[in-house]
Amino acid sequence: MRYFGTDGVRGTALATPLTLEETARWGRAWGEVARSKGIREMVIGWDPRTSSEPLAEAFLRGLDGLLRPEVLGMVPTPAVAWVAQRRPEAWGLMISASHNPPEDNGLKGFNGDGEKLSEDEEAAVEAAFEATPPIPFRQVDLHADAGAVEAYVAHLEGLNLPEDFPLVVDCAHGATAPWAPRLLRGSIHWLGTPAEGACINVGVGSTHLEGLQAAVRERGAAAGVAFDGDGDRCLFIDPTGELVDGDQLLWLLAQDLHQQGKVLPGLVGTLMTNGGLEESLRTLGIPLVRTPVGDKFMLRELALRGWDLAAEASGHVIQKQVGPSGDGLATTLAVLRALLHRSPERRWDWRFRPWPLKLVNLVASERRPVQACARLQAAMTDLEARHGEAIRMVIRWSGTEPKLRLMVEARETALMLATLECLEGAARADLAL
């Protein structure tokens, strides 16, 4: 598609395709497509970027007369998905660029199930956008429905931390900043607050962990938590300052549920989920199913199988019984509860040993299909026959660049490096590099 990427329409705020005039056209296009599918209401929220409210006003100007707006105001992305799921005949729209810098922004859509729009729905919105003429200016009321937001916060059920569990929390100057202090209570040192659009994700949050790691070590905290700008994911830091990623968090939640006697028929990860997690899950008899990278693919797999838990290493953790999307606040609460179920001396001894992993990008003049690369196919077949489940190979072309990506992970570093060397040599021969 021309405008939609892996997570909505993204770009520099107030520049094409997100000028105010274009965003009004997006509102009209979104409204037309939603209405054609029986939708009558649009739930709208935004993060604190300085461009977000002007874009919300423009979107609502285009939406006028097509759908009834339910304005949530400045909220985490999962709040939009959660409210939309609970409204009959509603879709959701979040204005945010997630972990991107303050000058960026985006439009992220949710369907009536609170899940990302399908590719067909996105294509229909694109087509309607290109057919929409300029929208006349008019004043728009952005008055928010506090009750809908309060319902979202209440359903998460906050947590009172014990005195011996000091915590450091980084809200990235983003959408979680007003709400996290209401849900987390105890001895907490806050970073990345208040919500401030000019500072969102600047040196703080889940993509800039250095300050959080230092604060955890300096303060002797039991843990640290970092959200991204729109609050749909989180990462943890252990007491030594080491990163605990989404794969490890999924493993902790799986163990905690298993110890409570709850049946887990399976978990969902992506092609990039570490092999060490899959190997560890086998010890509990829990299968792992992989999808392409992206939370929308994990959600579809969960729905297909009727499962509840999914995650990717970046910190997107989906708990379907809590909400329809990845939710950083919900994940934080679940992980903290799981940690507190463990005795203090064993609070961090549950982690799996990650398999060593390395990625190599080969720039080529021709995007020859991987299936047509005879030497590479032969090498993969031979390696799989010799090493079986001790290695894992992911080979794919970049979606935006002429780069062949070779990813290998293995139980041991030496095997990983040898496998990667073999694959790279074969690929170079096939691509005449």
Protein backbone atom coordinates (compact mmCIF):
# COMPACT_ATOMS: atom_id res chain seq x y z
CA MET A 1 0.00 0.00 0.00
CA ARG A 2 1.05 3.58 -0.57
CA TYR A 3 0.39 5.07 2.86
CA PHE A 4 -0.22 2.32 5.41
CA GLY A 5 2.82 0.66 6.90
CA THR A 6 3.08 -2.09 9.49
CA ASP A 7 1.29 0.05 12.08
CA GLY A 8 -0.98 2.60 10.40
CA VAL A 9 -0.14 5.79 8.52
CA ARG A 10 3.14 7.22 9.84
CA GLY A 11 5.33 10.18 8.95
CA THR A 12 6.54 13.61 9.90
CA ALA A 13 3.68 15.43 11.61
CA LEU A 14 1.94 18.13 9.56
CA ALA A 15 3.81 17.03 6.41
CA THR A 16 2.45 14.80 3.65
CA PRO A 17 0.55 12.53 4.16
CA LEU A 18 -0.28 14.03 7.57
CA THR A 19 -0.91 17.70 6.83
CA LEU A 20 -4.03 19.10 8.49
CA GLU A 21 -5.79 19.16 5.11
CA GLU A 22 -4.82 15.56 4.40
CA THR A 23 -5.76 14.42 7.91
CA ALA A 24 -9.26 15.85 7.40
CA ARG A 25 -9.43 13.79 4.22
CA TRP A 26 -8.27 10.73 6.21
CA GLY A 27 -11.15 11.39 8.61
CA ARG A 28 -13.65 11.46 5.76
CA ALA A 29 -12.14 8.33 4.17
CA TRP A 30 -12.05 6.42 7.48
CA GLY A 31 -15.64 7.42 8.16
CA GLU A 32 -16.90 6.33 4.75
CA VAL A 33 -15.26 2.91 4.95
CA ALA A 34 -16.37 2.33 8.55
CA ARG A 35 -19.94 3.37 7.78
CA SER A 36 -20.06 1.01 4.80
CA LYS A 37 -19.32 -1.81 7.25
CA GLY A 38 -22.12 -0.88 9.64
CA ILE A 39 -20.00 1.20 12.02
CA ARG A 40 -21.69 4.20 13.62
CA GLU A 41 -19.14 5.46 16.17
CA MET A 42 -15.41 6.33 16.18
CA VAL A 43 -13.46 6.17 19.46
CA ILE A 44 -10.57 8.65 19.24
CA GLY A 45 -7.51 9.19 21.43
CA TRP A 46 -4.05 10.67 21.07
CA ASP A 47 -0.64 10.85 22.71
CA PRO A 48 0.79 14.15 24.07
CA ARG A 49 2.78 15.20 20.97
CA THR A 50 2.27 18.86 20.17
CA SER A 51 0.84 17.86 16.78
CA SER A 52 -1.67 15.35 18.14
CA GLU A 53 -4.55 17.65 19.09
CA PRO A 54 -4.42 19.63 15.81
CA LEU A 55 -4.45 16.33 13.91
CA ALA A 56 -7.37 15.10 16.04
CA GLU A 57 -9.32 18.27 15.22
CA ALA A 58 -8.59 17.82 11.51
CA PHE A 59 -9.60 14.15 11.56
CA LEU A 60 -12.88 14.96 13.33
CA ARG A 61 -13.57 17.72 10.80
CA GLY A 62 -13.48 15.13 8.03
CA LEU A 63 -15.47 12.61 10.06
CA ASP A 64 -18.33 15.09 10.59
CA GLY A 65 -21.75 13.67 9.77
CA LEU A 66 -20.50 10.16 9.03
CA LEU A 67 -19.86 8.73 12.50
CA ARG A 68 -20.55 9.79 16.07
CA PRO A 69 -17.21 10.68 17.74
CA GLU A 70 -16.36 9.28 21.18
CA VAL A 71 -13.36 11.42 22.23
CA LEU A 72 -11.11 9.95 24.93
CA GLY A 73 -8.45 12.65 24.82
CA MET A 74 -4.84 11.96 25.73
CA VAL A 75 -4.69 8.25 26.59
CA PRO A 76 -2.51 5.19 25.97
CA THR A 77 -3.23 3.39 22.71
CA PRO A 78 -4.68 0.30 24.49
CA ALA A 79 -7.42 2.49 25.99
CA VAL A 80 -8.73 3.23 22.50
CA ALA A 81 -8.71 -0.47 21.56
CA TRP A 82 -10.37 -1.48 24.86
CA VAL A 83 -13.17 1.11 24.64
CA ALA A 84 -13.81 0.38 20.95
CA GLN A 85 -14.16 -3.32 21.70
CA ARG A 86 -16.87 -2.59 24.25
CA ARG A 87 -18.92 -0.23 22.09
CA PRO A 88 -21.43 -1.76 19.67
CA GLU A 89 -20.81 -0.58 16.11
CA ALA A 90 -17.55 1.24 16.96
CA TRP A 91 -14.09 1.51 15.45
CA GLY A 92 -11.08 3.17 17.10
CA LEU A 93 -8.47 5.71 15.96
CA MET A 94 -5.26 6.53 17.85
CA ILE A 95 -3.09 9.49 16.87
CA SER A 96 0.46 8.56 17.81
CA ALA A 97 3.86 7.61 16.45
CA SER A 98 4.54 5.23 19.34
CA HIS A 99 8.28 5.19 20.17
CA ASN A 100 9.24 7.63 17.39
CA PRO A 101 10.60 11.14 18.13
CA PRO A 102 8.35 14.16 18.85
CA GLU A 103 8.34 15.47 15.28
CA ASP A 104 6.63 12.31 13.98
CA ASN A 105 3.01 11.25 14.27
CA GLY A 106 0.58 8.74 12.83
CA LEU A 107 -2.95 7.39 12.50
CA LYS A 108 -3.53 3.90 13.91
CA GLY A 109 -6.90 2.22 13.35
CA PHE A 110 -8.76 -0.47 15.31
CA ASN A 111 -11.81 -2.48 14.27
CA GLY A 112 -14.85 -3.46 16.34
CA ASP A 113 -12.88 -6.22 18.06
CA GLY A 114 -10.31 -3.70 19.25
CA GLU A 115 -7.72 -5.16 16.87
CA LYS A 116 -5.73 -3.51 14.08
CA LEU A 117 -7.53 -2.99 10.78
CA SER A 118 -7.09 -5.71 8.18
CA GLU A 119 -5.09 -5.11 5.02
CA ASP A 120 -8.33 -5.04 3.01
CA GLU A 121 -9.79 -2.37 5.32
CA GLU A 122 -6.60 -0.32 5.10
CA ALA A 123 -6.63 -0.58 1.30
CA ALA A 124 -10.26 0.61 1.26
CA VAL A 125 -9.36 3.61 3.45
CA GLU A 126 -6.45 4.47 1.13
CA ALA A 127 -8.69 4.33 -1.94
CA ALA A 128 -11.31 6.53 -0.26
CA PHE A 129 -8.63 9.00 0.84
CA GLU A 130 -7.33 9.44 -2.71
CA ALA A 131 -10.88 10.04 -3.95
CA THR A 132 -11.70 12.62 -1.24
CA PRO A 133 -11.56 16.35 -2.12
CA PRO A 134 -10.38 19.00 0.37
CA ILE A 135 -12.59 19.44 3.47
CA PRO A 136 -13.79 22.98 4.37
CA PHE A 137 -12.48 24.27 7.71
CA ARG A 138 -14.78 24.37 10.74
CA GLN A 139 -14.26 24.53 14.50
CA VAL A 140 -14.25 21.15 16.29
CA ASP A 141 -14.98 20.34 19.94
CA LEU A 142 -12.38 18.04 21.53
CA HIS A 143 -14.22 17.62 24.83
CA ALA A 144 -13.25 14.20 26.20
CA ASP A 145 -15.50 11.57 27.80
CA ALA A 146 -13.85 11.09 31.20
CA GLY A 147 -16.14 8.18 32.06
CA ALA A 148 -14.90 5.98 29.23
CA VAL A 149 -11.27 6.54 30.25
CA GLU A 150 -12.06 5.91 33.92
CA ALA A 151 -13.62 2.58 32.98
CA TYR A 152 -10.42 1.56 31.18
CA VAL A 153 -8.23 2.53 34.15
CA ALA A 154 -10.54 0.79 36.63
CA HIS A 155 -10.52 -2.51 34.75
CA LEU A 156 -6.72 -2.75 35.09
CA GLU A 157 -6.96 -2.89 38.91
CA GLY A 158 -3.99 -1.07 40.40
CA LEU A 159 -1.30 -2.56 42.61
CA ASN A 160 0.02 -1.58 46.05
CA LEU A 161 3.69 -2.51 46.15
CA PRO A 162 5.21 -3.74 49.44
CA GLU A 163 7.73 -1.52 51.21
CA ASP A 164 10.62 -3.83 50.33
CA PHE A 165 9.93 -3.47 46.58
CA PRO A 166 11.13 0.00 45.49
CA LEU A 167 10.47 0.61 41.81
CA VAL A 168 11.69 3.02 39.12
CA VAL A 169 9.21 3.79 36.32
CA ASP A 170 9.94 5.69 33.09
CA CYS A 171 6.82 7.00 31.30
CA ALA A 172 8.75 8.44 28.32
CA HIS A 173 6.91 11.78 28.75
CA GLY A 174 4.18 9.91 26.91
CA ALA A 175 0.61 8.73 27.20
CA THR A 176 1.10 6.60 30.35
CA ALA A 177 2.38 9.53 32.44
CA PRO A 178 -1.03 10.62 33.85
CA TRP A 179 -2.29 7.09 34.45
CA ALA A 180 0.63 4.98 35.72
CA PRO A 181 0.79 6.81 39.10
CA ARG A 182 -2.86 5.96 39.65
CA LEU A 183 -2.24 2.25 39.06
CA LEU A 184 1.14 1.79 40.74
CA ARG A 185 1.39 2.78 44.39
CA GLY A 186 4.33 2.40 46.75
CA SER A 187 7.96 3.46 46.88
CA ILE A 188 8.29 4.58 43.26
CA HIS A 189 10.78 6.93 41.61
CA TRP A 190 9.32 8.41 38.44
CA LEU A 191 11.20 9.27 35.24
CA GLY A 192 9.77 10.63 31.98
CA THR A 193 6.94 12.54 33.64
CA PRO A 194 4.83 14.55 33.13
CA ALA A 195 3.31 13.91 29.71
CA GLU A 196 5.08 16.45 27.50
CA GLY A 197 4.82 16.29 23.73
CA ALA A 198 8.05 18.16 22.98
CA CYS A 199 10.02 15.63 25.05
CA ILE A 200 8.22 12.38 24.25
CA ASN A 201 10.76 9.54 23.77
CA VAL A 202 13.70 11.99 23.89
CA GLY A 203 16.38 10.18 25.90
CA VAL A 204 13.68 8.35 27.87
CA GLY A 205 11.33 5.41 27.52
CA SER A 206 11.72 1.90 26.18
CA THR A 207 14.08 2.92 23.36
CA HIS A 208 16.43 4.87 25.67
CA LEU A 209 17.00 2.70 28.73
CA GLU A 210 20.31 4.13 29.99
CA GLY A 211 18.77 6.58 32.48
CA LEU A 212 16.42 3.95 33.86
CA GLN A 213 19.22 1.41 34.23
CA ALA A 214 21.38 3.93 36.08
CA ALA A 215 18.50 4.94 38.39
CA VAL A 216 17.71 1.32 39.26
CA ARG A 217 21.33 0.64 40.23
CA GLU A 218 21.84 3.92 42.10
CA ARG A 219 18.63 3.61 44.11
CA GLY A 220 18.92 -0.13 44.82
CA ALA A 221 15.51 -0.66 43.27
CA ALA A 222 13.86 -4.06 43.01
CA ALA A 223 13.06 -3.41 39.34
CA GLY A 224 12.62 -0.77 36.66
CA VAL A 225 9.90 -0.36 34.04
CA ALA A 226 10.00 1.63 30.79
CA PHE A 227 7.01 2.44 28.59
CA ASP A 228 7.07 3.69 25.02
CA GLY A 229 5.38 6.93 24.00
CA ASP A 230 1.91 5.53 23.40
CA GLY A 231 1.97 2.94 26.16
CA ASP A 232 1.27 -0.23 24.19
CA ARG A 233 4.44 -1.94 25.39
CA CYS A 234 6.96 -2.00 28.22
CA LEU A 235 10.37 -3.40 29.10
CA PHE A 236 11.78 -4.30 32.52
CA ILE A 237 15.16 -3.77 34.15
CA ASP A 238 16.40 -6.13 36.87
CA PRO A 239 18.19 -4.89 40.06
CA THR A 240 21.61 -5.09 38.35
CA GLY A 241 20.45 -2.88 35.47
CA GLU A 242 20.10 -5.72 32.96
CA LEU A 243 17.35 -5.59 30.33
CA VAL A 244 14.46 -8.06 30.67
CA ASP A 245 12.77 -8.13 27.26
CA GLY A 246 9.36 -9.28 26.05
CA ASP A 247 10.51 -12.87 25.49
CA GLN A 248 11.64 -13.13 29.11
CA LEU A 249 8.44 -11.47 30.36
CA LEU A 250 6.36 -14.01 28.44
CA TRP A 251 8.36 -16.83 30.04
CA LEU A 252 7.76 -15.38 33.52
CA LEU A 253 4.00 -15.08 32.93
CA ALA A 254 3.87 -18.62 31.55
CA GLN A 255 5.66 -20.00 34.62
CA ASP A 256 3.45 -18.01 36.98
CA LEU A 257 0.24 -19.28 35.37
CA HIS A 258 1.61 -22.83 35.26
CA GLN A 259 2.44 -22.69 38.99
CA GLN A 260 -1.12 -21.51 39.68
CA GLY A 261 -2.40 -24.65 37.94
CA LYS A 262 -3.83 -22.76 34.95
CA VAL A 263 -3.75 -24.59 31.62
CA LEU A 264 -1.80 -22.91 28.82
CA PRO A 265 -2.56 -24.70 25.54
CA GLY A 266 0.10 -22.62 23.78
CA LEU A 267 1.76 -19.23 23.36
CA VAL A 268 2.31 -17.04 20.31
CA GLY A 269 5.56 -15.31 19.34
CA THR A 270 7.08 -14.06 16.08
CA LEU A 271 9.84 -15.11 13.73
CA MET A 272 12.21 -13.10 15.94
CA THR A 273 11.23 -14.79 19.23
CA ASN A 274 14.35 -16.26 20.80
CA GLY A 275 14.88 -20.00 20.47
CA GLY A 276 15.79 -20.18 24.16
CA LEU A 277 12.19 -19.32 25.04
CA GLU A 278 10.80 -22.03 22.78
CA GLU A 279 13.19 -24.56 24.28
CA SER A 280 12.24 -23.55 27.83
CA LEU A 281 8.51 -23.70 27.12
CA ARG A 282 8.91 -27.31 26.01
CA THR A 283 9.95 -28.20 29.59
CA LEU A 284 6.44 -27.17 30.67
CA GLY A 285 4.79 -28.90 27.71
CA ILE A 286 3.72 -25.56 26.20
CA PRO A 287 4.02 -25.15 22.42
CA LEU A 288 5.09 -21.88 20.79
CA VAL A 289 3.63 -20.78 17.46
CA ARG A 290 5.44 -18.10 15.44
CA THR A 291 3.95 -15.40 13.22
CA PRO A 292 5.42 -12.62 11.05
CA VAL A 293 6.72 -9.66 13.06
CA GLY A 294 3.91 -7.38 14.26
CA ASP A 295 1.30 -7.51 16.99
CA LYS A 296 -1.58 -7.67 14.48
CA PHE A 297 -0.30 -11.04 13.26
CA MET A 298 0.00 -12.35 16.81
CA LEU A 299 -3.57 -11.22 17.54
CA ARG A 300 -4.88 -13.06 14.51
CA GLU A 301 -3.08 -16.24 15.56
CA LEU A 302 -4.47 -15.99 19.10
CA ALA A 303 -7.98 -15.60 17.71
CA LEU A 304 -7.50 -18.53 15.35
CA ARG A 305 -6.38 -20.85 18.13
CA GLY A 306 -8.46 -19.46 20.99
CA TRP A 307 -5.29 -18.81 23.04
CA ASP A 308 -4.62 -15.97 25.44
CA LEU A 309 -0.92 -14.99 25.59
CA ALA A 310 1.51 -13.61 23.02
CA ALA A 311 4.58 -11.41 23.03
CA GLU A 312 7.50 -10.12 21.02
CA ALA A 313 10.89 -9.13 22.38
CA SER A 314 10.22 -5.40 21.95
CA GLY A 315 7.79 -5.59 24.88
CA HIS A 316 4.44 -5.96 23.13
CA VAL A 317 2.68 -8.46 25.40
CA ILE A 318 -0.93 -9.41 24.65
CA GLN A 319 -3.17 -10.84 27.36
CA LYS A 320 -6.49 -11.43 25.66
CA GLN A 321 -8.36 -11.87 28.93
CA VAL A 322 -7.27 -8.33 29.92
CA GLY A 323 -7.66 -6.49 26.62
CA PRO A 324 -7.60 -6.85 22.84
CA SER A 325 -4.15 -5.35 22.24
CA GLY A 326 -0.65 -5.06 23.62
CA ASP A 327 -0.90 -2.94 26.77
CA GLY A 328 2.15 -1.66 28.66
CA LEU A 329 0.24 -0.84 31.83
CA ALA A 330 -1.52 -4.23 31.91
CA THR A 331 1.77 -6.01 31.24
CA THR A 332 3.53 -4.11 34.02
CA LEU A 333 0.86 -5.03 36.53
CA ALA A 334 0.88 -8.71 35.51
CA VAL A 335 4.69 -8.95 35.63
CA LEU A 336 4.93 -7.22 39.01
CA ARG A 337 2.31 -9.56 40.45
CA ALA A 338 4.22 -12.56 39.08
CA LEU A 339 7.48 -11.27 40.60
CA LEU A 340 5.78 -10.72 43.96
CA HIS A 341 4.49 -14.30 43.90
CA ARG A 342 8.14 -15.35 44.20
CA SER A 343 10.25 -15.15 47.35
CA PRO A 344 12.71 -12.20 47.37
CA GLU A 345 15.76 -14.46 47.11
CA ARG A 346 14.32 -16.19 44.01
CA ARG A 347 12.70 -13.19 42.36
CA TRP A 348 15.01 -13.15 39.33
CA ASP A 349 16.25 -16.74 39.02
CA TRP A 350 13.57 -17.80 36.51
CA ARG A 351 15.05 -16.44 33.26
CA PHE A 352 15.95 -18.66 30.30
CA ARG A 353 19.35 -18.51 28.65
CA PRO A 354 18.89 -16.72 25.32
CA TRP A 355 20.31 -18.38 22.26
CA PRO A 356 23.09 -16.33 20.61
CA LEU A 357 21.72 -14.50 17.57
CA LYS A 358 23.19 -12.49 14.71
CA LEU A 359 21.70 -10.72 11.70
CA VAL A 360 23.53 -9.94 8.44
CA ASN A 361 22.10 -7.73 5.67
CA LEU A 362 23.25 -8.29 2.08
CA VAL A 363 22.57 -5.44 -0.36
CA ALA A 364 21.74 -6.78 -3.82
CA SER A 365 20.83 -5.25 -7.17
CA GLU A 366 18.18 -7.92 -7.79
CA ARG A 367 15.51 -9.12 -5.35
CA ARG A 368 15.67 -12.74 -6.41
CA PRO A 369 13.10 -14.85 -4.49
CA VAL A 370 14.72 -16.87 -1.71
CA GLN A 371 13.12 -20.01 -3.17
CA ALA A 372 15.00 -19.34 -6.42
CA CYS A 373 18.42 -19.15 -4.72
CA ALA A 374 19.62 -22.71 -5.37
CA ARG A 375 22.84 -22.62 -3.33
CA LEU A 376 21.12 -20.96 -0.39
CA GLN A 377 18.30 -23.51 -0.43
CA ALA A 378 20.79 -26.37 -0.55
CA ALA A 379 22.78 -24.91 2.35
CA MET A 380 19.63 -24.51 4.46
CA THR A 381 18.55 -28.08 3.76
CA ASP A 382 21.97 -29.43 4.70
CA LEU A 383 22.21 -27.36 7.89
CA GLU A 384 18.75 -28.41 9.04
CA ALA A 385 19.58 -32.07 8.39
CA ARG A 386 22.82 -31.85 10.39
CA HIS A 387 21.74 -29.68 13.32
CA GLY A 388 17.95 -29.94 13.56
CA GLU A 389 16.46 -27.90 16.40
CA ALA A 390 19.88 -26.71 17.60
CA ILE A 391 19.74 -23.88 15.04
CA ARG A 392 17.08 -21.55 13.68
CA MET A 393 17.35 -19.62 10.42
CA VAL A 394 15.17 -16.75 9.19
CA ILE A 395 15.94 -15.53 5.66
CA ARG A 396 13.81 -12.82 4.06
CA TRP A 397 13.99 -9.71 1.94
CA SER A 398 13.47 -6.33 3.59
CA GLY A 399 10.04 -4.91 2.89
CA THR A 400 11.44 -1.48 2.01
CA GLU A 401 15.04 -1.95 0.84
CA PRO A 402 16.93 -4.28 -1.55
CA LYS A 403 18.45 -6.13 1.37
CA LEU A 404 18.45 -9.86 2.00
CA ARG A 405 18.33 -10.41 5.74
CA LEU A 406 20.04 -13.51 7.11
CA MET A 407 19.24 -14.21 10.77
CA VAL A 408 20.67 -17.19 12.61
CA GLU A 409 20.42 -18.22 16.22
CA ALA A 410 21.74 -21.40 17.82
CA ARG A 411 22.27 -22.95 21.21
CA GLU A 412 25.98 -22.14 21.02
CA THR A 413 27.81 -19.10 19.63
CA ALA A 414 30.27 -21.12 17.56
CA LEU A 415 27.47 -23.02 15.82
CA MET A 416 25.58 -19.79 15.17
CA LEU A 417 28.60 -18.12 13.58
CA ALA A 418 29.46 -21.18 11.46
CA THR A 419 25.87 -21.46 10.24
CA LEU A 420 25.74 -17.78 9.35
CA GLU A 421 29.05 -17.99 7.48
CA CYS A 422 27.74 -20.92 5.43
CA LEU A 423 24.48 -19.15 4.58
CA GLU A 424 26.19 -15.89 3.70
CA GLY A 425 28.60 -17.62 1.33
CA ALA A 426 25.75 -19.41 -0.43
CA ALA A 427 23.65 -16.24 -0.68
CA ARG A 428 26.54 -14.22 -2.08
CA ALA A 429 27.11 -16.87 -4.73
CA ASP A 430 23.41 -16.89 -5.72
CA LEU A 431 23.22 -13.08 -5.85
CA ALA A 432 26.64 -12.64 -7.53
CA LEU A 433 27.87 -10.39 -4.73
